[in-house]
C-alpha atoms as a PDB file:
ATOM      1  CA  UNK A   1     218.113  35.763 127.909  1.00  0.00           C
ATOM      2  CA  UNK A   2     218.833  31.704 129.672  1.00  0.00           C
ATOM      3  CA  UNK A   3     216.932  31.892 133.280  1.00  0.00           C
ATOM      4  CA  UNK A   4     220.647  31.663 134.746  1.00  0.00           C
ATOM      5  CA  UNK A   5     221.744  34.608 133.156  1.00  0.00           C
ATOM      6  CA  UNK A   6     219.013  36.924 134.299  1.00  0.00           C
ATOM      7  CA  UNK A   7     219.767  35.909 137.704  1.00  0.00           C
ATOM      8  CA  UNK A   8     223.267  36.915 137.329  1.00  0.00           C
ATOM      9  CA  UNK A   9     222.394  40.224 135.733  1.00  0.00           C
ATOM     10  CA  UNK A  10     219.604  40.877 138.503  1.00  0.00           C
ATOM     11  CA  UNK A  11     221.918  40.313 141.315  1.00  0.00           C
ATOM     12  CA  UNK A  12     224.390  42.748 139.286  1.00  0.00           C
ATOM     13  CA  UNK A  13     221.801  45.237 138.889  1.00  0.00           C
ATOM     14  CA  UNK A  14     220.588  44.807 142.776  1.00  0.00           C
ATOM     15  CA  UNK A  15     224.179  45.814 144.075  1.00  0.00           C
ATOM     16  CA  UNK A  16     224.845  42.137 144.608  1.00  0.00           C
ATOM     17  CA  UNK A  17     228.736  41.332 143.573  1.00  0.00           C
ATOM     18  CA  UNK A  18     229.609  39.145 140.250  1.00  0.00           C
ATOM     19  CA  UNK A  19     230.633  35.619 141.182  1.00  0.00           C
ATOM     20  CA  UNK A  20     234.529  35.312 141.413  1.00  0.00           C
ATOM     21  CA  UNK A  21     236.445  33.760 138.710  1.00  0.00           C
ATOM     22  CA  UNK A  22     239.667  32.362 140.213  1.00  0.00           C
ATOM     23  CA  UNK A  23     242.698  33.751 137.980  1.00  0.00           C
ATOM     24  CA  UNK A  24     244.877  30.656 136.897  1.00  0.00           C
ATOM     25  CA  UNK A  25     248.140  30.377 138.653  1.00  0.00           C
ATOM     26  CA  UNK A  26     251.495  29.173 136.942  1.00  0.00           C
ATOM     27  CA  UNK A  27     252.717  26.440 139.383  1.00  0.00           C
ATOM     28  CA  UNK A  28     256.211  26.063 139.921  1.00  0.00           C
ATOM     29  CA  UNK A  29     258.448  23.790 140.851  1.00  0.00           C
ATOM     30  CA  UNK A  30     262.261  24.178 142.625  1.00  0.00           C
ATOM     31  CA  UNK A  31     265.252  22.365 142.090  1.00  0.00           C
ATOM     32  CA  UNK A  32     268.321  23.117 144.223  1.00  0.00           C
ATOM     33  CA  UNK A  33     270.384  21.759 146.687  1.00  0.00           C
ATOM     34  CA  UNK A  34     270.620  24.697 148.708  1.00  0.00           C
ATOM     35  CA  UNK A  35     267.795  24.900 150.910  1.00  0.00           C
ATOM     36  CA  UNK A  36     268.246  28.849 151.606  1.00  0.00           C
ATOM     37  CA  UNK A  37     268.372  29.188 148.095  1.00  0.00           C
ATOM     38  CA  UNK A  38     264.921  27.477 147.348  1.00  0.00           C
ATOM     39  CA  UNK A  39     263.324  29.304 150.561  1.00  0.00           C
ATOM     40  CA  UNK A  40     264.156  32.929 148.998  1.00  0.00           C
ATOM     41  CA  UNK A  41     263.064  32.095 145.397  1.00  0.00           C
ATOM     42  CA  UNK A  42     259.704  30.828 147.103  1.00  0.00           C
ATOM     43  CA  UNK A  43     259.159  33.882 149.310  1.00  0.00           C
ATOM     44  CA  UNK A  44     259.819  36.163 146.092  1.00  0.00           C
ATOM     45  CA  UNK A  45     257.592  33.810 143.584  1.00  0.00           C
ATOM     46  CA  UNK A  46     254.977  33.689 146.087  1.00  0.00           C
ATOM     47  CA  UNK A  47     254.211  37.379 146.698  1.00  0.00           C
ATOM     48  CA  UNK A  48     253.167  37.380 142.783  1.00  0.00           C
ATOM     49  CA  UNK A  49     249.335  36.619 142.691  1.00  0.00           C
ATOM     50  CA  UNK A  50     249.943  34.455 139.257  1.00  0.00           C
ATOM     51  CA  UNK A  51     252.596  32.115 140.654  1.00  0.00           C
ATOM     52  CA  UNK A  52     252.376  29.286 143.156  1.00  0.00           C
ATOM     53  CA  UNK A  53     255.033  27.221 144.186  1.00  0.00           C
ATOM     54  CA  UNK A  54     253.996  23.784 144.519  1.00  0.00           C
ATOM     55  CA  UNK A  55     256.971  21.333 145.186  1.00  0.00           C
ATOM     56  CA  UNK A  56     260.843  21.581 146.695  1.00  0.00           C
ATOM     57  CA  UNK A  57     263.526  19.284 145.409  1.00  0.00           C
ATOM     58  CA  UNK A  58     267.219  19.175 146.291  1.00  0.00           C
ATOM     59  CA  UNK A  59     268.183  16.178 144.053  1.00  0.00           C
ATOM     60  CA  UNK A  60     268.253  15.636 140.346  1.00  0.00           C
ATOM     61  CA  UNK A  61     265.830  12.195 141.308  1.00  0.00           C
ATOM     62  CA  UNK A  62     263.715  14.353 143.969  1.00  0.00           C
ATOM     63  CA  UNK A  63     263.064  16.588 140.848  1.00  0.00           C
ATOM     64  CA  UNK A  64     262.149  13.941 138.503  1.00  0.00           C
ATOM     65  CA  UNK A  65     259.720  12.612 141.217  1.00  0.00           C
ATOM     66  CA  UNK A  66     258.229  15.900 141.620  1.00  0.00           C
ATOM     67  CA  UNK A  67     257.802  16.343 138.002  1.00  0.00           C
ATOM     68  CA  UNK A  68     256.150  12.822 137.401  1.00  0.00           C
ATOM     69  CA  UNK A  69     253.706  13.436 140.493  1.00  0.00           C
ATOM     70  CA  UNK A  70     252.583  17.065 139.708  1.00  0.00           C
ATOM     71  CA  UNK A  71     253.576  18.073 135.954  1.00  0.00           C
ATOM     72  CA  UNK A  72     254.340  21.675 137.310  1.00  0.00           C
ATOM     73  CA  UNK A  73     253.953  24.447 134.528  1.00  0.00           C
ATOM     74  CA  UNK A  74     257.837  25.764 135.350  1.00  0.00           C
ATOM     75  CA  UNK A  75     261.244  24.112 137.128  1.00  0.00           C
ATOM     76  CA  UNK A  76     263.490  26.613 138.251  1.00  0.00           C
ATOM     77  CA  UNK A  77     266.450  24.254 138.082  1.00  0.00           C
ATOM     78  CA  UNK A  78     270.434  24.209 139.261  1.00  0.00           C
ATOM     79  CA  UNK A  79     272.934  22.832 136.848  1.00  0.00           C
ATOM     80  CA  UNK A  80     274.990  21.436 139.460  1.00  0.00           C
ATOM     81  CA  UNK A  81     273.027  18.894 141.833  1.00  0.00           C
ATOM     82  CA  UNK A  82     274.965  16.022 143.939  1.00  0.00           C
ATOM     83  CA  UNK A  83     273.588  13.254 142.289  1.00  0.00           C
ATOM     84  CA  UNK A  84     272.648  14.185 138.375  1.00  0.00           C
ATOM     85  CA  UNK A  85     274.167  17.316 136.543  1.00  0.00           C
ATOM     86  CA  UNK A  86     271.408  19.397 135.674  1.00  0.00           C
ATOM     87  CA  UNK A  87     271.252  19.137 131.845  1.00  0.00           C
ATOM     88  CA  UNK A  88     270.580  15.351 132.478  1.00  0.00           C
ATOM     89  CA  UNK A  89     267.778  16.225 135.148  1.00  0.00           C
ATOM     90  CA  UNK A  90     266.122  18.328 132.555  1.00  0.00           C
ATOM     91  CA  UNK A  91     266.165  15.606 129.918  1.00  0.00           C
ATOM     92  CA  UNK A  92     264.773  13.427 132.407  1.00  0.00           C
ATOM     93  CA  UNK A  93     261.866  15.418 133.612  1.00  0.00           C
ATOM     94  CA  UNK A  94     260.575  16.338 130.200  1.00  0.00           C
ATOM     95  CA  UNK A  95     260.347  12.630 129.457  1.00  0.00           C
ATOM     96  CA  UNK A  96     257.983  12.310 131.988  1.00  0.00           C
ATOM     97  CA  UNK A  97     256.139  15.939 132.222  1.00  0.00           C
ATOM     98  CA  UNK A  98     256.561  17.448 128.201  1.00  0.00           C
ATOM     99  CA  UNK A  99     254.910  20.236 129.224  1.00  0.00           C
ATOM    100  CA  UNK A 100     256.794  21.602 131.859  1.00  0.00           C
ATOM    101  CA  UNK A 101     259.141  24.325 130.906  1.00  0.00           C
ATOM    102  CA  UNK A 102     262.405  24.116 132.278  1.00  0.00           C
ATOM    103  CA  UNK A 103     264.969  27.361 133.421  1.00  0.00           C
ATOM    104  CA  UNK A 104     268.263  26.673 134.511  1.00  0.00           C
ATOM    105  CA  UNK A 105     269.397  28.824 137.685  1.00  0.00           C
ATOM    106  CA  UNK A 106     272.580  28.890 138.025  1.00  0.00           C
ATOM    107  CA  UNK A 107     275.894  30.396 138.749  1.00  0.00           C
ATOM    108  CA  UNK A 108     277.735  28.362 135.769  1.00  0.00           C
ATOM    109  CA  UNK A 109     278.532  30.413 133.022  1.00  0.00           C
ATOM    110  CA  UNK A 110     280.687  28.422 130.772  1.00  0.00           C
ATOM    111  CA  UNK A 111     279.354  27.763 127.456  1.00  0.00           C
ATOM    112  CA  UNK A 112     279.736  24.079 127.242  1.00  0.00           C
ATOM    113  CA  UNK A 113     276.889  23.468 129.907  1.00  0.00           C
ATOM    114  CA  UNK A 114     274.364  26.106 128.678  1.00  0.00           C
ATOM    115  CA  UNK A 115     274.657  24.337 125.202  1.00  0.00           C
ATOM    116  CA  UNK A 116     274.093  21.105 126.828  1.00  0.00           C
ATOM    117  CA  UNK A 117     271.239  22.309 128.846  1.00  0.00           C
ATOM    118  CA  UNK A 118     269.428  24.165 125.664  1.00  0.00           C
ATOM    119  CA  UNK A 119     270.211  20.740 123.717  1.00  0.00           C
ATOM    120  CA  UNK A 120     268.410  18.793 126.780  1.00  0.00           C
ATOM    121  CA  UNK A 121     265.319  21.103 126.308  1.00  0.00           C
ATOM    122  CA  UNK A 122     265.784  24.048 129.054  1.00  0.00           C
ATOM    123  CA  UNK A 123     263.588  27.193 127.450  1.00  0.00           C
ATOM    124  CA  UNK A 124     265.642  29.523 129.919  1.00  0.00           C
ATOM    125  CA  UNK A 125     269.191  30.034 131.335  1.00  0.00           C
ATOM    126  CA  UNK A 126     269.449  32.420 133.980  1.00  0.00           C
ATOM    127  CA  UNK A 127     272.726  33.572 136.525  1.00  0.00           C
ATOM    128  CA  UNK A 128     271.833  33.192 139.951  1.00  0.00           C
ATOM    129  CA  UNK A 129     272.690  37.272 139.908  1.00  0.00           C
ATOM    130  CA  UNK A 130     269.894  38.255 137.739  1.00  0.00           C
ATOM    131  CA  UNK A 131     267.742  40.238 139.146  1.00  0.00           C
ATOM    132  CA  UNK A 132     264.468  38.752 140.946  1.00  0.00           C
ATOM    133  CA  UNK A 133     261.909  40.913 139.005  1.00  0.00           C
ATOM    134  CA  UNK A 134     263.817  38.892 135.997  1.00  0.00           C
ATOM    135  CA  UNK A 135     263.391  35.680 137.630  1.00  0.00           C
ATOM    136  CA  UNK A 136     259.953  36.102 137.763  1.00  0.00           C
ATOM    137  CA  UNK A 137     259.382  37.496 134.133  1.00  0.00           C
ATOM    138  CA  UNK A 138     261.426  34.457 132.780  1.00  0.00           C
ATOM    139  CA  UNK A 139     258.878  32.255 134.777  1.00  0.00           C
ATOM    140  CA  UNK A 140     255.529  33.810 132.886  1.00  0.00           C
ATOM    141  CA  UNK A 141     257.801  33.762 129.533  1.00  0.00           C
ATOM    142  CA  UNK A 142     258.357  30.511 129.381  1.00  0.00           C
ATOM    143  CA  UNK A 143     255.032  29.445 130.839  1.00  0.00           C
ATOM    144  CA  UNK A 144     254.125  30.999 127.352  1.00  0.00           C
ATOM    145  CA  UNK A 145     255.851  29.267 125.438  1.00  0.00           C
ATOM    146  CA  UNK A 146     258.977  31.698 124.994  1.00  0.00           C
ATOM    147  CA  UNK A 147     262.767  31.089 125.666  1.00  0.00           C
ATOM    148  CA  UNK A 148     264.907  33.115 127.372  1.00  0.00           C
ATOM    149  CA  UNK A 149     268.694  33.404 127.920  1.00  0.00           C
ATOM    150  CA  UNK A 150     270.380  35.593 130.536  1.00  0.00           C
ATOM    151  CA  UNK A 151     271.740  38.882 129.056  1.00  0.00           C
ATOM    152  CA  UNK A 152     275.064  38.056 130.249  1.00  0.00           C
ATOM    153  CA  UNK A 153     275.603  34.686 128.393  1.00  0.00           C
ATOM    154  CA  UNK A 154     273.081  35.161 125.204  1.00  0.00           C
ATOM    155  CA  UNK A 155     275.768  36.891 122.921  1.00  0.00           C
ATOM    156  CA  UNK A 156     278.388  34.225 123.521  1.00  0.00           C
ATOM    157  CA  UNK A 157     276.126  31.513 122.989  1.00  0.00           C
ATOM    158  CA  UNK A 158     274.293  33.079 119.819  1.00  0.00           C
ATOM    159  CA  UNK A 159     277.850  34.062 118.473  1.00  0.00           C
ATOM    160  CA  UNK A 160     278.924  30.338 119.093  1.00  0.00           C
ATOM    161  CA  UNK A 161     275.962  28.716 117.577  1.00  0.00           C
ATOM    162  CA  UNK A 162     276.045  30.613 114.458  1.00  0.00           C
ATOM    163  CA  UNK A 163     280.151  30.671 113.716  1.00  0.00           C
ATOM    164  CA  UNK A 164     280.031  26.748 114.678  1.00  0.00           C
ATOM    165  CA  UNK A 165     281.406  27.215 118.037  1.00  0.00           C
ATOM    166  CA  UNK A 166     284.345  28.364 119.726  1.00  0.00           C
ATOM    167  CA  UNK A 167     286.740  25.587 121.356  1.00  0.00           C
ATOM    168  CA  UNK A 168     286.082  25.623 125.093  1.00  0.00           C
ATOM    169  CA  UNK A 169     289.616  25.881 125.792  1.00  0.00           C
ATOM    170  CA  UNK A 170     289.698  29.338 123.809  1.00  0.00           C
ATOM    171  CA  UNK A 171     287.192  31.024 126.296  1.00  0.00           C
ATOM    172  CA  UNK A 172     289.122  30.373 129.568  1.00  0.00           C
ATOM    173  CA  UNK A 173     290.587  33.137 131.373  1.00  0.00           C
ATOM    174  CA  UNK A 174     294.553  33.349 131.672  1.00  0.00           C
ATOM    175  CA  UNK A 175     294.252  32.732 135.652  1.00  0.00           C
ATOM    176  CA  UNK A 176     292.408  29.223 135.083  1.00  0.00           C
ATOM    177  CA  UNK A 177     295.005  28.206 132.231  1.00  0.00           C
ATOM    178  CA  UNK A 178     297.617  28.949 135.476  1.00  0.00           C
ATOM    179  CA  UNK A 179     295.619  26.923 137.727  1.00  0.00           C
ATOM    180  CA  UNK A 180     295.340  24.098 134.733  1.00  0.00           C
ATOM    181  CA  UNK A 181     298.940  24.210 134.775  1.00  0.00           C
ATOM    182  CA  UNK A 182     299.597  23.684 138.909  1.00  0.00           C
ATOM    183  CA  UNK A 183     297.510  20.735 138.992  1.00  0.00           C
ATOM    184  CA  UNK A 184     299.041  19.192 136.327  1.00  0.00           C
ATOM    185  CA  UNK A 185     301.993  19.891 138.396  1.00  0.00           C
ATOM    186  CA  UNK A 186     300.720  18.148 141.041  1.00  0.00           C
ATOM    187  CA  UNK A 187     299.892  20.827 143.910  1.00  0.00           C
ATOM    188  CA  UNK A 188     296.974  20.502 145.959  1.00  0.00           C
ATOM    189  CA  UNK A 189     294.071  23.441 145.732  1.00  0.00           C
ATOM    190  CA  UNK A 190     295.745  25.091 148.926  1.00  0.00           C
ATOM    191  CA  UNK A 191     299.135  25.072 147.215  1.00  0.00           C
ATOM    192  CA  UNK A 192     297.808  26.633 144.398  1.00  0.00           C
ATOM    193  CA  UNK A 193     295.432  29.259 146.281  1.00  0.00           C
ATOM    194  CA  UNK A 194     298.725  30.373 147.933  1.00  0.00           C
ATOM    195  CA  UNK A 195     300.580  30.958 144.528  1.00  0.00           C
ATOM    196  CA  UNK A 196     297.760  32.779 142.472  1.00  0.00           C
ATOM    197  CA  UNK A 197     296.374  34.708 145.812  1.00  0.00           C
ATOM    198  CA  UNK A 198     292.905  32.891 145.989  1.00  0.00           C
ATOM    199  CA  UNK A 199     291.826  30.416 148.616  1.00  0.00           C
ATOM    200  CA  UNK A 200     291.724  26.765 148.759  1.00  0.00           C
ATOM    201  CA  UNK A 201     287.717  27.135 148.214  1.00  0.00           C
ATOM    202  CA  UNK A 202     287.803  28.894 145.713  1.00  0.00           C
ATOM    203  CA  UNK A 203     290.629  27.171 143.672  1.00  0.00           C
ATOM    204  CA  UNK A 204     287.812  24.314 144.086  1.00  0.00           C
ATOM    205  CA  UNK A 205     285.261  26.363 142.720  1.00  0.00           C
ATOM    206  CA  UNK A 206     287.266  27.284 139.747  1.00  0.00           C
ATOM    207  CA  UNK A 207     288.373  23.778 138.791  1.00  0.00           C
ATOM    208  CA  UNK A 208     284.477  22.519 139.215  1.00  0.00           C
ATOM    209  CA  UNK A 209     284.047  25.317 136.481  1.00  0.00           C
ATOM    210  CA  UNK A 210     287.105  24.543 134.218  1.00  0.00           C
ATOM    211  CA  UNK A 211     285.390  20.851 134.229  1.00  0.00           C
ATOM    212  CA  UNK A 212     282.059  22.119 133.006  1.00  0.00           C
ATOM    213  CA  UNK A 213     283.950  24.149 130.306  1.00  0.00           C
ATOM    214  CA  UNK A 214     285.638  21.054 129.227  1.00  0.00           C
ATOM    215  CA  UNK A 215     282.507  18.462 129.900  1.00  0.00           C
ATOM    216  CA  UNK A 216     284.573  16.462 132.383  1.00  0.00           C
ATOM    217  CA  UNK A 217     284.270  15.187 136.019  1.00  0.00           C
ATOM    218  CA  UNK A 218     287.847  15.051 137.362  1.00  0.00           C
ATOM    219  CA  UNK A 219     290.977  16.467 137.758  1.00  0.00           C
ATOM    220  CA  UNK A 220     293.380  14.080 135.481  1.00  0.00           C
ATOM    221  CA  UNK A 221     290.504  14.734 132.996  1.00  0.00           C
ATOM    222  CA  UNK A 222     290.889  18.513 132.898  1.00  0.00           C
ATOM    223  CA  UNK A 223     294.938  17.916 132.404  1.00  0.00           C
ATOM    224  CA  UNK A 224     293.945  16.024 129.756  1.00  0.00           C
ATOM    225  CA  UNK A 225     292.018  18.283 128.052  1.00  0.00           C
ATOM    226  CA  UNK A 226     294.472  21.088 128.367  1.00  0.00           C
ATOM    227  CA  UNK A 227     297.098  18.590 126.778  1.00  0.00           C
ATOM    228  CA  UNK A 228     295.158  18.251 123.809  1.00  0.00           C
ATOM    229  CA  UNK A 229     294.126  21.879 123.838  1.00  0.00           C
ATOM    230  CA  UNK A 230     297.780  22.782 123.722  1.00  0.00           C
ATOM    231  CA  UNK A 231     297.443  24.993 126.977  1.00  0.00           C
ATOM    232  CA  UNK A 232     300.089  22.975 128.848  1.00  0.00           C
END
């Protein structure tokens, strides 16, 4: 027995506490343009003894810089940011910090954006209405090298991946198709909302999600894609 070990055994036998060994904690970065979302996630995660939030970012550029500086174990990343789309942020984050496990945490469930995120290297994809306990489980799972898909989107993604993929247009609900037709007719969001009993804000949100489904950015591109798909 070495002299150091003899001293430790003696300390324990005499009722002294053994030396404290710090448990390594999972370092997490939060990227979302809504401060209230980041604050809620931080409060939830830091209640856990094995998780610590080491940084926050509001934009894609800030997220990339944060990854380069801190190289967090896990990054929770929103799909829609004001400067760079989430999948591209994910790709750039991994280029400067390969060990970081990126999890997309978002309100967008369209197959096109999910597959784009996974192709960029994301290890997980969660919807924002998921239980907070699931967020914690996902952080631990991706830290261990696992991949996680929200149960609400996993069956569709797997089915599309194994069947060669369905056309995005085929997955649009009838109400969204009606909205696209009104857009093609030149109506404003307010005018469309009055026709389908939705607010102008909701129409704007629906069009953003339709654009994500088609992987386009403008109303004109939405209409063009709808024409190509035979919707209008």
